[in-house]
mmCIF file of all heavy atoms, coordinates in Angstrom:
data_MODEL
# 
_entry.id   MODEL 
# 
loop_
_atom_site.group_PDB 
_atom_site.id 
_atom_site.type_symbol 
_atom_site.label_atom_id 
_atom_site.label_alt_id 
_atom_site.label_comp_id 
_atom_site.label_asym_id 
_atom_site.label_entity_id 
_atom_site.label_seq_id 
_atom_site.pdbx_PDB_ins_code 
_atom_site.Cartn_x 
_atom_site.Cartn_y 
_atom_site.Cartn_z 
_atom_site.occupancy 
_atom_site.B_iso_or_equiv 
_atom_site.pdbx_formal_charge 
_atom_site.auth_seq_id 
_atom_site.auth_comp_id 
_atom_site.auth_asym_id 
_atom_site.auth_atom_id 
_atom_site.pdbx_PDB_model_num 
ATOM 1   N N   . VAL A 1 1  ? 151.335 39.282 -58.851 1.00 0.00 ? 1  VAL A N   1 
ATOM 2   C CA  . VAL A 1 1  ? 151.250 40.381 -59.809 1.00 0.00 ? 1  VAL A CA  1 
ATOM 3   C C   . VAL A 1 1  ? 150.272 40.010 -60.919 1.00 0.00 ? 1  VAL A C   1 
ATOM 4   O O   . VAL A 1 1  ? 149.840 38.866 -61.023 1.00 0.00 ? 1  VAL A O   1 
ATOM 5   C CB  . VAL A 1 1  ? 152.636 40.727 -60.411 1.00 0.00 ? 1  VAL A CB  1 
ATOM 6   C CG1 . VAL A 1 1  ? 153.585 41.224 -59.339 1.00 0.00 ? 1  VAL A CG1 1 
ATOM 7   C CG2 . VAL A 1 1  ? 153.231 39.532 -61.133 1.00 0.00 ? 1  VAL A CG2 1 
ATOM 8   N N   . LYS A 1 2  ? 149.928 40.990 -61.727 1.00 0.00 ? 2  LYS A N   1 
ATOM 9   C CA  . LYS A 1 2  ? 149.090 40.752 -62.898 1.00 0.00 ? 2  LYS A CA  1 
ATOM 10  C C   . LYS A 1 2  ? 149.765 41.380 -64.095 1.00 0.00 ? 2  LYS A C   1 
ATOM 11  O O   . LYS A 1 2  ? 150.417 42.409 -63.972 1.00 0.00 ? 2  LYS A O   1 
ATOM 12  C CB  . LYS A 1 2  ? 147.704 41.376 -62.724 1.00 0.00 ? 2  LYS A CB  1 
ATOM 13  C CG  . LYS A 1 2  ? 146.877 40.711 -61.661 1.00 0.00 ? 2  LYS A CG  1 
ATOM 14  C CD  . LYS A 1 2  ? 145.512 41.320 -61.595 1.00 0.00 ? 2  LYS A CD  1 
ATOM 15  C CE  . LYS A 1 2  ? 144.690 40.611 -60.537 1.00 0.00 ? 2  LYS A CE  1 
ATOM 16  N NZ  . LYS A 1 2  ? 143.301 41.048 -60.556 1.00 0.00 ? 2  LYS A NZ  1 
ATOM 17  N N   . GLY A 1 3  ? 149.621 40.763 -65.250 1.00 0.00 ? 3  GLY A N   1 
ATOM 18  C CA  . GLY A 1 3  ? 150.236 41.311 -66.443 1.00 0.00 ? 3  GLY A CA  1 
ATOM 19  C C   . GLY A 1 3  ? 149.826 40.532 -67.673 1.00 0.00 ? 3  GLY A C   1 
ATOM 20  O O   . GLY A 1 3  ? 149.030 39.600 -67.602 1.00 0.00 ? 3  GLY A O   1 
ATOM 21  N N   . PHE A 1 4  ? 150.398 40.944 -68.793 1.00 0.00 ? 4  PHE A N   1 
ATOM 22  C CA  . PHE A 1 4  ? 150.161 40.210 -70.029 1.00 0.00 ? 4  PHE A CA  1 
ATOM 23  C C   . PHE A 1 4  ? 151.367 40.357 -70.920 1.00 0.00 ? 4  PHE A C   1 
ATOM 24  O O   . PHE A 1 4  ? 152.145 41.288 -70.807 1.00 0.00 ? 4  PHE A O   1 
ATOM 25  C CB  . PHE A 1 4  ? 148.892 40.686 -70.757 1.00 0.00 ? 4  PHE A CB  1 
ATOM 26  C CG  . PHE A 1 4  ? 149.002 42.057 -71.354 1.00 0.00 ? 4  PHE A CG  1 
ATOM 27  C CD1 . PHE A 1 4  ? 149.443 42.218 -72.660 1.00 0.00 ? 4  PHE A CD1 1 
ATOM 28  C CD2 . PHE A 1 4  ? 148.672 43.168 -70.621 1.00 0.00 ? 4  PHE A CD2 1 
ATOM 29  C CE1 . PHE A 1 4  ? 149.543 43.475 -73.222 1.00 0.00 ? 4  PHE A CE1 1 
ATOM 30  C CE2 . PHE A 1 4  ? 148.770 44.429 -71.170 1.00 0.00 ? 4  PHE A CE2 1 
ATOM 31  C CZ  . PHE A 1 4  ? 149.209 44.589 -72.472 1.00 0.00 ? 4  PHE A CZ  1 
ATOM 32  N N   . GLY A 1 5  ? 151.520 39.402 -71.804 1.00 0.00 ? 5  GLY A N   1 
ATOM 33  C CA  . GLY A 1 5  ? 152.581 39.421 -72.798 1.00 0.00 ? 5  GLY A CA  1 
ATOM 34  C C   . GLY A 1 5  ? 151.964 39.056 -74.120 1.00 0.00 ? 5  GLY A C   1 
ATOM 35  O O   . GLY A 1 5  ? 150.942 39.604 -74.511 1.00 0.00 ? 5  GLY A O   1 
ATOM 36  N N   . ARG A 1 6  ? 152.539 38.074 -74.762 1.00 0.00 ? 6  ARG A N   1 
ATOM 37  C CA  . ARG A 1 6  ? 151.987 37.633 -76.043 1.00 0.00 ? 6  ARG A CA  1 
ATOM 38  C C   . ARG A 1 6  ? 150.607 37.005 -75.903 1.00 0.00 ? 6  ARG A C   1 
ATOM 39  O O   . ARG A 1 6  ? 149.851 36.956 -76.853 1.00 0.00 ? 6  ARG A O   1 
ATOM 40  C CB  . ARG A 1 6  ? 152.934 36.632 -76.695 1.00 0.00 ? 6  ARG A CB  1 
ATOM 41  C CG  . ARG A 1 6  ? 154.197 37.273 -77.189 1.00 0.00 ? 6  ARG A CG  1 
ATOM 42  C CD  . ARG A 1 6  ? 155.038 36.287 -77.954 1.00 0.00 ? 6  ARG A CD  1 
ATOM 43  N NE  . ARG A 1 6  ? 156.277 36.925 -78.370 1.00 0.00 ? 6  ARG A NE  1 
ATOM 44  C CZ  . ARG A 1 6  ? 157.332 36.261 -78.744 1.00 0.00 ? 6  ARG A CZ  1 
ATOM 45  N NH1 . ARG A 1 6  ? 157.332 34.944 -78.762 1.00 0.00 ? 6  ARG A NH1 1 
ATOM 46  N NH2 . ARG A 1 6  ? 158.419 36.899 -79.106 1.00 0.00 ? 6  ARG A NH2 1 
ATOM 47  N N   . GLN A 1 7  ? 150.294 36.529 -74.705 1.00 0.00 ? 7  GLN A N   1 
ATOM 48  C CA  . GLN A 1 7  ? 148.985 35.929 -74.472 1.00 0.00 ? 7  GLN A CA  1 
ATOM 49  C C   . GLN A 1 7  ? 147.859 36.924 -74.709 1.00 0.00 ? 7  GLN A C   1 
ATOM 50  O O   . GLN A 1 7  ? 146.779 36.546 -75.117 1.00 0.00 ? 7  GLN A O   1 
ATOM 51  C CB  . GLN A 1 7  ? 148.869 35.457 -73.015 1.00 0.00 ? 7  GLN A CB  1 
ATOM 52  C CG  . GLN A 1 7  ? 149.429 34.093 -72.765 1.00 0.00 ? 7  GLN A CG  1 
ATOM 53  C CD  . GLN A 1 7  ? 149.264 33.755 -71.301 1.00 0.00 ? 7  GLN A CD  1 
ATOM 54  O OE1 . GLN A 1 7  ? 149.977 34.297 -70.469 1.00 0.00 ? 7  GLN A OE1 1 
ATOM 55  N NE2 . GLN A 1 7  ? 148.363 32.873 -70.992 1.00 0.00 ? 7  GLN A NE2 1 
ATOM 56  N N   . LYS A 1 8  ? 148.087 38.170 -74.392 1.00 0.00 ? 8  LYS A N   1 
ATOM 57  C CA  . LYS A 1 8  ? 147.089 39.235 -74.519 1.00 0.00 ? 8  LYS A CA  1 
ATOM 58  C C   . LYS A 1 8  ? 145.820 38.946 -73.720 1.00 0.00 ? 8  LYS A C   1 
ATOM 59  O O   . LYS A 1 8  ? 144.734 39.361 -74.089 1.00 0.00 ? 8  LYS A O   1 
ATOM 60  C CB  . LYS A 1 8  ? 146.704 39.456 -75.982 1.00 0.00 ? 8  LYS A CB  1 
ATOM 61  C CG  . LYS A 1 8  ? 147.859 39.756 -76.891 1.00 0.00 ? 8  LYS A CG  1 
ATOM 62  C CD  . LYS A 1 8  ? 148.221 41.218 -76.828 1.00 0.00 ? 8  LYS A CD  1 
ATOM 63  C CE  . LYS A 1 8  ? 149.122 41.612 -77.962 1.00 0.00 ? 8  LYS A CE  1 
ATOM 64  N NZ  . LYS A 1 8  ? 150.495 41.688 -77.651 1.00 0.00 ? 8  LYS A NZ  1 
ATOM 65  N N   . GLY A 1 9  ? 145.930 38.220 -72.623 1.00 0.00 ? 9  GLY A N   1 
ATOM 66  C CA  . GLY A 1 9  ? 144.756 37.907 -71.816 1.00 0.00 ? 9  GLY A CA  1 
ATOM 67  C C   . GLY A 1 9  ? 143.955 36.780 -72.434 1.00 0.00 ? 9  GLY A C   1 
ATOM 68  O O   . GLY A 1 9  ? 144.415 36.070 -73.311 1.00 0.00 ? 9  GLY A O   1 
ATOM 69  N N   . HIS A 1 10 ? 142.726 36.630 -71.961 1.00 0.00 ? 10 HIS A N   1 
ATOM 70  C CA  . HIS A 1 10 ? 141.842 35.601 -72.505 1.00 0.00 ? 10 HIS A CA  1 
ATOM 71  C C   . HIS A 1 10 ? 140.397 35.971 -72.198 1.00 0.00 ? 10 HIS A C   1 
ATOM 72  O O   . HIS A 1 10 ? 140.131 36.889 -71.442 1.00 0.00 ? 10 HIS A O   1 
ATOM 73  C CB  . HIS A 1 10 ? 142.194 34.224 -71.937 1.00 0.00 ? 10 HIS A CB  1 
ATOM 74  C CG  . HIS A 1 10 ? 141.966 34.099 -70.461 1.00 0.00 ? 10 HIS A CG  1 
ATOM 75  N ND1 . HIS A 1 10 ? 142.873 34.516 -69.529 1.00 0.00 ? 10 HIS A ND1 1 
ATOM 76  C CD2 . HIS A 1 10 ? 140.918 33.618 -69.766 1.00 0.00 ? 10 HIS A CD2 1 
ATOM 77  C CE1 . HIS A 1 10 ? 142.404 34.299 -68.312 1.00 0.00 ? 10 HIS A CE1 1 
ATOM 78  N NE2 . HIS A 1 10 ? 141.211 33.749 -68.426 1.00 0.00 ? 10 HIS A NE2 1 
ATOM 79  N N   . THR A 1 11 ? 139.463 35.247 -72.789 1.00 0.00 ? 11 THR A N   1 
ATOM 80  C CA  . THR A 1 11 ? 138.049 35.499 -72.533 1.00 0.00 ? 11 THR A CA  1 
ATOM 81  C C   . THR A 1 11 ? 137.507 34.424 -71.597 1.00 0.00 ? 11 THR A C   1 
ATOM 82  O O   . THR A 1 11 ? 137.959 33.274 -71.613 1.00 0.00 ? 11 THR A O   1 
ATOM 83  C CB  . THR A 1 11 ? 137.225 35.496 -73.842 1.00 0.00 ? 11 THR A CB  1 
ATOM 84  O OG1 . THR A 1 11 ? 137.404 34.242 -74.483 1.00 0.00 ? 11 THR A OG1 1 
ATOM 85  C CG2 . THR A 1 11 ? 137.661 36.601 -74.770 1.00 0.00 ? 11 THR A CG2 1 
ATOM 86  N N   . GLU A 1 12 ? 136.565 34.822 -70.748 1.00 0.00 ? 12 GLU A N   1 
ATOM 87  C CA  . GLU A 1 12 ? 135.918 33.897 -69.835 1.00 0.00 ? 12 GLU A CA  1 
ATOM 88  C C   . GLU A 1 12 ? 134.410 34.082 -69.935 1.00 0.00 ? 12 GLU A C   1 
ATOM 89  O O   . GLU A 1 12 ? 133.929 35.128 -70.368 1.00 0.00 ? 12 GLU A O   1 
ATOM 90  C CB  . GLU A 1 12 ? 136.378 34.145 -68.394 1.00 0.00 ? 12 GLU A CB  1 
ATOM 91  C CG  . GLU A 1 12 ? 137.804 33.717 -68.142 1.00 0.00 ? 12 GLU A CG  1 
ATOM 92  C CD  . GLU A 1 12 ? 138.179 33.765 -66.670 1.00 0.00 ? 12 GLU A CD  1 
ATOM 93  O OE1 . GLU A 1 12 ? 137.320 34.090 -65.826 1.00 0.00 ? 12 GLU A OE1 1 
ATOM 94  O OE2 . GLU A 1 12 ? 139.344 33.481 -66.368 1.00 0.00 ? 12 GLU A OE2 1 
ATOM 95  N N   . LEU A 1 13 ? 133.707 33.070 -69.494 1.00 0.00 ? 13 LEU A N   1 
ATOM 96  C CA  . LEU A 1 13 ? 132.258 33.107 -69.505 1.00 0.00 ? 13 LEU A CA  1 
ATOM 97  C C   . LEU A 1 13 ? 131.774 33.174 -68.060 1.00 0.00 ? 13 LEU A C   1 
ATOM 98  O O   . LEU A 1 13 ? 132.169 32.360 -67.223 1.00 0.00 ? 13 LEU A O   1 
ATOM 99  C CB  . LEU A 1 13 ? 131.727 31.843 -70.190 1.00 0.00 ? 13 LEU A CB  1 
ATOM 100 C CG  . LEU A 1 13 ? 130.290 31.831 -70.634 1.00 0.00 ? 13 LEU A CG  1 
ATOM 101 C CD1 . LEU A 1 13 ? 130.054 32.937 -71.671 1.00 0.00 ? 13 LEU A CD1 1 
ATOM 102 C CD2 . LEU A 1 13 ? 129.939 30.488 -71.236 1.00 0.00 ? 13 LEU A CD2 1 
ATOM 103 N N   . TYR A 1 14 ? 130.944 34.171 -67.726 1.00 0.00 ? 14 TYR A N   1 
ATOM 104 C CA  . TYR A 1 14 ? 130.415 34.322 -66.384 1.00 0.00 ? 14 TYR A CA  1 
ATOM 105 C C   . TYR A 1 14 ? 128.925 34.613 -66.469 1.00 0.00 ? 14 TYR A C   1 
ATOM 106 O O   . TYR A 1 14 ? 128.519 35.619 -67.048 1.00 0.00 ? 14 TYR A O   1 
ATOM 107 C CB  . TYR A 1 14 ? 131.141 35.442 -65.635 1.00 0.00 ? 14 TYR A CB  1 
ATOM 108 C CG  . TYR A 1 14 ? 130.636 35.667 -64.237 1.00 0.00 ? 14 TYR A CG  1 
ATOM 109 C CD1 . TYR A 1 14 ? 130.890 34.731 -63.234 1.00 0.00 ? 14 TYR A CD1 1 
ATOM 110 C CD2 . TYR A 1 14 ? 129.887 36.790 -63.923 1.00 0.00 ? 14 TYR A CD2 1 
ATOM 111 C CE1 . TYR A 1 14 ? 130.426 34.925 -61.952 1.00 0.00 ? 14 TYR A CE1 1 
ATOM 112 C CE2 . TYR A 1 14 ? 129.414 36.993 -62.634 1.00 0.00 ? 14 TYR A CE2 1 
ATOM 113 C CZ  . TYR A 1 14 ? 129.693 36.052 -61.654 1.00 0.00 ? 14 TYR A CZ  1 
ATOM 114 O OH  . TYR A 1 14 ? 129.215 36.240 -60.374 1.00 0.00 ? 14 TYR A OH  1 
ATOM 115 N N   . ARG A 1 15 ? 128.115 33.722 -65.941 1.00 0.00 ? 15 ARG A N   1 
ATOM 116 C CA  . ARG A 1 15 ? 126.660 33.846 -65.970 1.00 0.00 ? 15 ARG A CA  1 
ATOM 117 C C   . ARG A 1 15 ? 126.135 34.125 -67.372 1.00 0.00 ? 15 ARG A C   1 
ATOM 118 O O   . ARG A 1 15 ? 125.312 35.002 -67.587 1.00 0.00 ? 15 ARG A O   1 
ATOM 119 C CB  . ARG A 1 15 ? 126.191 34.919 -64.998 1.00 0.00 ? 15 ARG A CB  1 
ATOM 120 C CG  . ARG A 1 15 ? 126.436 34.544 -63.560 1.00 0.00 ? 15 ARG A CG  1 
ATOM 121 C CD  . ARG A 1 15 ? 125.770 35.498 -62.635 1.00 0.00 ? 15 ARG A CD  1 
ATOM 122 N NE  . ARG A 1 15 ? 125.986 35.069 -61.257 1.00 0.00 ? 15 ARG A NE  1 
ATOM 123 C CZ  . ARG A 1 15 ? 125.518 35.699 -60.210 1.00 0.00 ? 15 ARG A CZ  1 
ATOM 124 N NH1 . ARG A 1 15 ? 124.780 36.780 -60.362 1.00 0.00 ? 15 ARG A NH1 1 
ATOM 125 N NH2 . ARG A 1 15 ? 125.766 35.253 -59.012 1.00 0.00 ? 15 ARG A NH2 1 
ATOM 126 N N   . GLY A 1 16 ? 126.683 33.406 -68.312 1.00 0.00 ? 16 GLY A N   1 
ATOM 127 C CA  . GLY A 1 16 ? 126.224 33.516 -69.686 1.00 0.00 ? 16 GLY A CA  1 
ATOM 128 C C   . GLY A 1 16 ? 126.797 34.667 -70.478 1.00 0.00 ? 16 GLY A C   1 
ATOM 129 O O   . GLY A 1 16 ? 126.591 34.778 -71.675 1.00 0.00 ? 16 GLY A O   1 
ATOM 130 N N   . ALA A 1 17 ? 127.548 35.546 -69.822 1.00 0.00 ? 17 ALA A N   1 
ATOM 131 C CA  . ALA A 1 17 ? 128.139 36.691 -70.521 1.00 0.00 ? 17 ALA A CA  1 
ATOM 132 C C   . ALA A 1 17 ? 129.638 36.455 -70.694 1.00 0.00 ? 17 ALA A C   1 
ATOM 133 O O   . ALA A 1 17 ? 130.319 35.995 -69.773 1.00 0.00 ? 17 ALA A O   1 
ATOM 134 C CB  . ALA A 1 17 ? 127.909 37.979 -69.738 1.00 0.00 ? 17 ALA A CB  1 
ATOM 135 N N   . GLU A 1 18 ? 130.131 36.771 -71.865 1.00 0.00 ? 18 GLU A N   1 
ATOM 136 C CA  . GLU A 1 18 ? 131.550 36.615 -72.149 1.00 0.00 ? 18 GLU A CA  1 
ATOM 137 C C   . GLU A 1 18 ? 132.260 37.931 -71.849 1.00 0.00 ? 18 GLU A C   1 
ATOM 138 O O   . GLU A 1 18 ? 131.764 39.005 -72.190 1.00 0.00 ? 18 GLU A O   1 
ATOM 139 C CB  . GLU A 1 18 ? 131.740 36.250 -73.622 1.00 0.00 ? 18 GLU A CB  1 
ATOM 140 C CG  . GLU A 1 18 ? 133.147 35.807 -73.950 1.00 0.00 ? 18 GLU A CG  1 
ATOM 141 C CD  . GLU A 1 18 ? 133.256 35.297 -75.381 1.00 0.00 ? 18 GLU A CD  1 
ATOM 142 O OE1 . GLU A 1 18 ? 132.946 34.122 -75.620 1.00 0.00 ? 18 GLU A OE1 1 
ATOM 143 O OE2 . GLU A 1 18 ? 133.643 36.107 -76.240 1.00 0.00 ? 18 GLU A OE2 1 
ATOM 144 N N   . TYR A 1 19 ? 133.382 37.857 -71.161 1.00 0.00 ? 19 TYR A N   1 
ATOM 145 C CA  . TYR A 1 19 ? 134.160 39.067 -70.902 1.00 0.00 ? 19 TYR A CA  1 
ATOM 146 C C   . TYR A 1 19 ? 135.646 38.765 -71.056 1.00 0.00 ? 19 TYR A C   1 
ATOM 147 O O   . TYR A 1 19 ? 136.074 37.618 -70.976 1.00 0.00 ? 19 TYR A O   1 
ATOM 148 C CB  . TYR A 1 19 ? 133.847 39.662 -69.525 1.00 0.00 ? 19 TYR A CB  1 
ATOM 149 C CG  . TYR A 1 19 ? 134.246 38.795 -68.359 1.00 0.00 ? 19 TYR A CG  1 
ATOM 150 C CD1 . TYR A 1 19 ? 135.435 39.034 -67.675 1.00 0.00 ? 19 TYR A CD1 1 
ATOM 151 C CD2 . TYR A 1 19 ? 133.449 37.748 -67.933 1.00 0.00 ? 19 TYR A CD2 1 
ATOM 152 C CE1 . TYR A 1 19 ? 135.810 38.247 -66.601 1.00 0.00 ? 19 TYR A CE1 1 
ATOM 153 C CE2 . TYR A 1 19 ? 133.812 36.950 -66.865 1.00 0.00 ? 19 TYR A CE2 1 
ATOM 154 C CZ  . TYR A 1 19 ? 134.993 37.218 -66.196 1.00 0.00 ? 19 TYR A CZ  1 
ATOM 155 O OH  . TYR A 1 19 ? 135.357 36.434 -65.134 1.00 0.00 ? 19 TYR A OH  1 
ATOM 156 N N   . VAL A 1 20 ? 136.417 39.824 -71.285 1.00 0.00 ? 20 VAL A N   1 
ATOM 157 C CA  . VAL A 1 20 ? 137.846 39.693 -71.551 1.00 0.00 ? 20 VAL A CA  1 
ATOM 158 C C   . VAL A 1 20 ? 138.633 39.959 -70.277 1.00 0.00 ? 20 VAL A C   1 
ATOM 159 O O   . VAL A 1 20 ? 138.387 40.955 -69.586 1.00 0.00 ? 20 VAL A O   1 
ATOM 160 C CB  . VAL A 1 20 ? 138.291 40.681 -72.658 1.00 0.00 ? 20 VAL A CB  1 
ATOM 161 C CG1 . VAL A 1 20 ? 139.794 40.606 -72.869 1.00 0.00 ? 20 VAL A CG1 1 
ATOM 162 C CG2 . VAL A 1 20 ? 137.545 40.397 -73.946 1.00 0.00 ? 20 VAL A CG2 1 
ATOM 163 N N   . VAL A 1 21 ? 139.552 39.067 -69.960 1.00 0.00 ? 21 VAL A N   1 
ATOM 164 C CA  . VAL A 1 21 ? 140.480 39.263 -68.849 1.00 0.00 ? 21 VAL A CA  1 
ATOM 165 C C   . VAL A 1 21 ? 141.795 39.741 -69.469 1.00 0.00 ? 21 VAL A C   1 
ATOM 166 O O   . VAL A 1 21 ? 142.499 38.960 -70.105 1.00 0.00 ? 21 VAL A O   1 
ATOM 167 C CB  . VAL A 1 21 ? 140.689 37.950 -68.055 1.00 0.00 ? 21 VAL A CB  1 
ATOM 168 C CG1 . VAL A 1 21 ? 141.695 38.156 -66.936 1.00 0.00 ? 21 VAL A CG1 1 
ATOM 169 C CG2 . VAL A 1 21 ? 139.360 37.446 -67.506 1.00 0.00 ? 21 VAL A CG2 1 
ATOM 170 N N   . ASP A 1 22 ? 142.082 41.038 -69.331 1.00 0.00 ? 22 ASP A N   1 
ATOM 171 C CA  . ASP A 1 22 ? 143.272 41.617 -69.952 1.00 0.00 ? 22 ASP A CA  1 
ATOM 172 C C   . ASP A 1 22 ? 144.553 41.268 -69.203 1.00 0.00 ? 22 ASP A C   1 
ATOM 173 O O   . ASP A 1 22 ? 145.589 41.034 -69.813 1.00 0.00 ? 22 ASP A O   1 
ATOM 174 C CB  . ASP A 1 22 ? 143.151 43.135 -70.042 1.00 0.00 ? 22 ASP A CB  1 
ATOM 175 C CG  . ASP A 1 22 ? 142.090 43.572 -71.038 1.00 0.00 ? 22 ASP A CG  1 
ATOM 176 O OD1 . ASP A 1 22 ? 141.902 42.852 -72.038 1.00 0.00 ? 22 ASP A OD1 1 
ATOM 177 O OD2 . ASP A 1 22 ? 141.454 44.613 -70.822 1.00 0.00 ? 22 ASP A OD2 1 
ATOM 178 N N   . PHE A 1 23 ? 144.493 41.280 -67.887 1.00 0.00 ? 23 PHE A N   1 
ATOM 179 C CA  . PHE A 1 23 ? 145.679 41.010 -67.082 1.00 0.00 ? 23 PHE A CA  1 
ATOM 180 C C   . PHE A 1 23 ? 145.533 39.646 -66.412 1.00 0.00 ? 23 PHE A C   1 
ATOM 181 O O   . PHE A 1 23 ? 144.549 39.375 -65.742 1.00 0.00 ? 23 PHE A O   1 
ATOM 182 C CB  . PHE A 1 23 ? 145.866 42.092 -66.013 1.00 0.00 ? 23 PHE A CB  1 
ATOM 183 C CG  . PHE A 1 23 ? 146.229 43.417 -66.584 1.00 0.00 ? 23 PHE A CG  1 
ATOM 184 C CD1 . PHE A 1 23 ? 145.257 44.363 -66.857 1.00 0.00 ? 23 PHE A CD1 1 
ATOM 185 C CD2 . PHE A 1 23 ? 147.552 43.717 -66.863 1.00 0.00 ? 23 PHE A CD2 1 
ATOM 186 C CE1 . PHE A 1 23 ? 145.593 45.586 -67.393 1.00 0.00 ? 23 PHE A CE1 1 
ATOM 187 C CE2 . PHE A 1 23 ? 147.900 44.935 -67.401 1.00 0.00 ? 23 PHE A CE2 1 
ATOM 188 C CZ  . PHE A 1 23 ? 146.920 45.880 -67.669 1.00 0.00 ? 23 PHE A CZ  1 
ATOM 189 N N   . LEU A 1 24 ? 146.542 38.808 -66.613 1.00 0.00 ? 24 LEU A N   1 
ATOM 190 C CA  . LEU A 1 24 ? 146.520 37.460 -66.059 1.00 0.00 ? 24 LEU A CA  1 
ATOM 191 C C   . LEU A 1 24 ? 147.306 37.405 -64.754 1.00 0.00 ? 24 LEU A C   1 
ATOM 192 O O   . LEU A 1 24 ? 148.333 38.079 -64.613 1.00 0.00 ? 24 LEU A O   1 
ATOM 193 C CB  . LEU A 1 24 ? 147.126 36.481 -67.066 1.00 0.00 ? 24 LEU A CB  1 
ATOM 194 C CG  . LEU A 1 24 ? 146.395 36.410 -68.404 1.00 0.00 ? 24 LEU A CG  1 
ATOM 195 C CD1 . LEU A 1 24 ? 147.189 35.581 -69.393 1.00 0.00 ? 24 LEU A CD1 1 
ATOM 196 C CD2 . LEU A 1 24 ? 145.009 35.841 -68.218 1.00 0.00 ? 24 LEU A CD2 1 
ATOM 197 N N   . PRO A 1 25 ? 146.852 36.602 -63.791 1.00 0.00 ? 25 PRO A N   1 
ATOM 198 C CA  . PRO A 1 25 ? 147.592 36.493 -62.529 1.00 0.00 ? 25 PRO A CA  1 
ATOM 199 C C   . PRO A 1 25 ? 148.921 35.761 -62.740 1.00 0.00 ? 25 PRO A C   1 
ATOM 200 O O   . PRO A 1 25 ? 148.975 34.747 -63.419 1.00 0.00 ? 25 PRO A O   1 
ATOM 201 C CB  . PRO A 1 25 ? 146.654 35.694 -61.630 1.00 0.00 ? 25 PRO A CB  1 
ATOM 202 C CG  . PRO A 1 25 ? 145.766 34.957 -62.560 1.00 0.00 ? 25 PRO A CG  1 
ATOM 203 C CD  . PRO A 1 25 ? 145.658 35.785 -63.806 1.00 0.00 ? 25 PRO A CD  1 
ATOM 204 N N   . LYS A 1 26 ? 149.961 36.312 -62.157 1.00 0.00 ? 26 LYS A N   1 
ATOM 205 C CA  . LYS A 1 26 ? 151.302 35.723 -62.214 1.00 0.00 ? 26 LYS A CA  1 
ATOM 206 C C   . LYS A 1 26 ? 151.944 35.869 -60.845 1.00 0.00 ? 26 LYS A C   1 
ATOM 207 O O   . LYS A 1 26 ? 151.430 36.555 -59.962 1.00 0.00 ? 26 LYS A O   1 
ATOM 208 C CB  . LYS A 1 26 ? 152.187 36.443 -63.252 1.00 0.00 ? 26 LYS A CB  1 
ATOM 209 C CG  . LYS A 1 26 ? 151.664 36.423 -64.674 1.00 0.00 ? 26 LYS A CG  1 
ATOM 210 C CD  . LYS A 1 26 ? 151.783 35.069 -65.303 1.00 0.00 ? 26 LYS A CD  1 
ATOM 211 C CE  . LYS A 1 26 ? 151.313 35.112 -66.753 1.00 0.00 ? 26 LYS A CE  1 
ATOM 212 N NZ  . LYS A 1 26 ? 151.497 33.857 -67.420 1.00 0.00 ? 26 LYS A NZ  1 
ATOM 213 N N   . VAL A 1 27 ? 153.095 35.241 -60.661 1.00 0.00 ? 27 VAL A N   1 
ATOM 214 C CA  . VAL A 1 27 ? 153.905 35.407 -59.459 1.00 0.00 ? 27 VAL A CA  1 
ATOM 215 C C   . VAL A 1 27 ? 155.262 35.938 -59.893 1.00 0.00 ? 27 VAL A C   1 
ATOM 216 O O   . VAL A 1 27 ? 155.854 35.433 -60.850 1.00 0.00 ? 27 VAL A O   1 
ATOM 217 C CB  . VAL A 1 27 ? 154.066 34.078 -58.684 1.00 0.00 ? 27 VAL A CB  1 
ATOM 218 C CG1 . VAL A 1 27 ? 155.073 34.221 -57.561 1.00 0.00 ? 27 VAL A CG1 1 
ATOM 219 C CG2 . VAL A 1 27 ? 152.728 33.627 -58.139 1.00 0.00 ? 27 VAL A CG2 1 
ATOM 220 N N   . LYS A 1 28 ? 155.726 36.971 -59.205 1.00 0.00 ? 28 LYS A N   1 
ATOM 221 C CA  . LYS A 1 28 ? 157.045 37.545 -59.490 1.00 0.00 ? 28 LYS A CA  1 
ATOM 222 C C   . LYS A 1 28 ? 157.987 37.144 -58.355 1.00 0.00 ? 28 LYS A C   1 
ATOM 223 O O   . LYS A 1 28 ? 157.695 37.381 -57.182 1.00 0.00 ? 28 LYS A O   1 
ATOM 224 C CB  . LYS A 1 28 ? 156.957 39.062 -59.587 1.00 0.00 ? 28 LYS A CB  1 
ATOM 225 C CG  . LYS A 1 28 ? 158.290 39.725 -59.811 1.00 0.00 ? 28 LYS A CG  1 
ATOM 226 C CD  . LYS A 1 28 ? 158.126 41.230 -59.852 1.00 0.00 ? 28 LYS A CD  1 
ATOM 227 C CE  . LYS A 1 28 ? 159.460 41.913 -59.891 1.00 0.00 ? 28 LYS A CE  1 
ATOM 228 N NZ  . LYS A 1 28 ? 159.336 43.364 -59.738 1.00 0.00 ? 28 LYS A NZ  1 
# 
């Protein structure tokens, strides 16, 4: 599953561009 809580996602760097990952991978 994917989701978010207090973490609110995170930012990643891909080919020099920064983007926000809103939903994080989890296992239910």
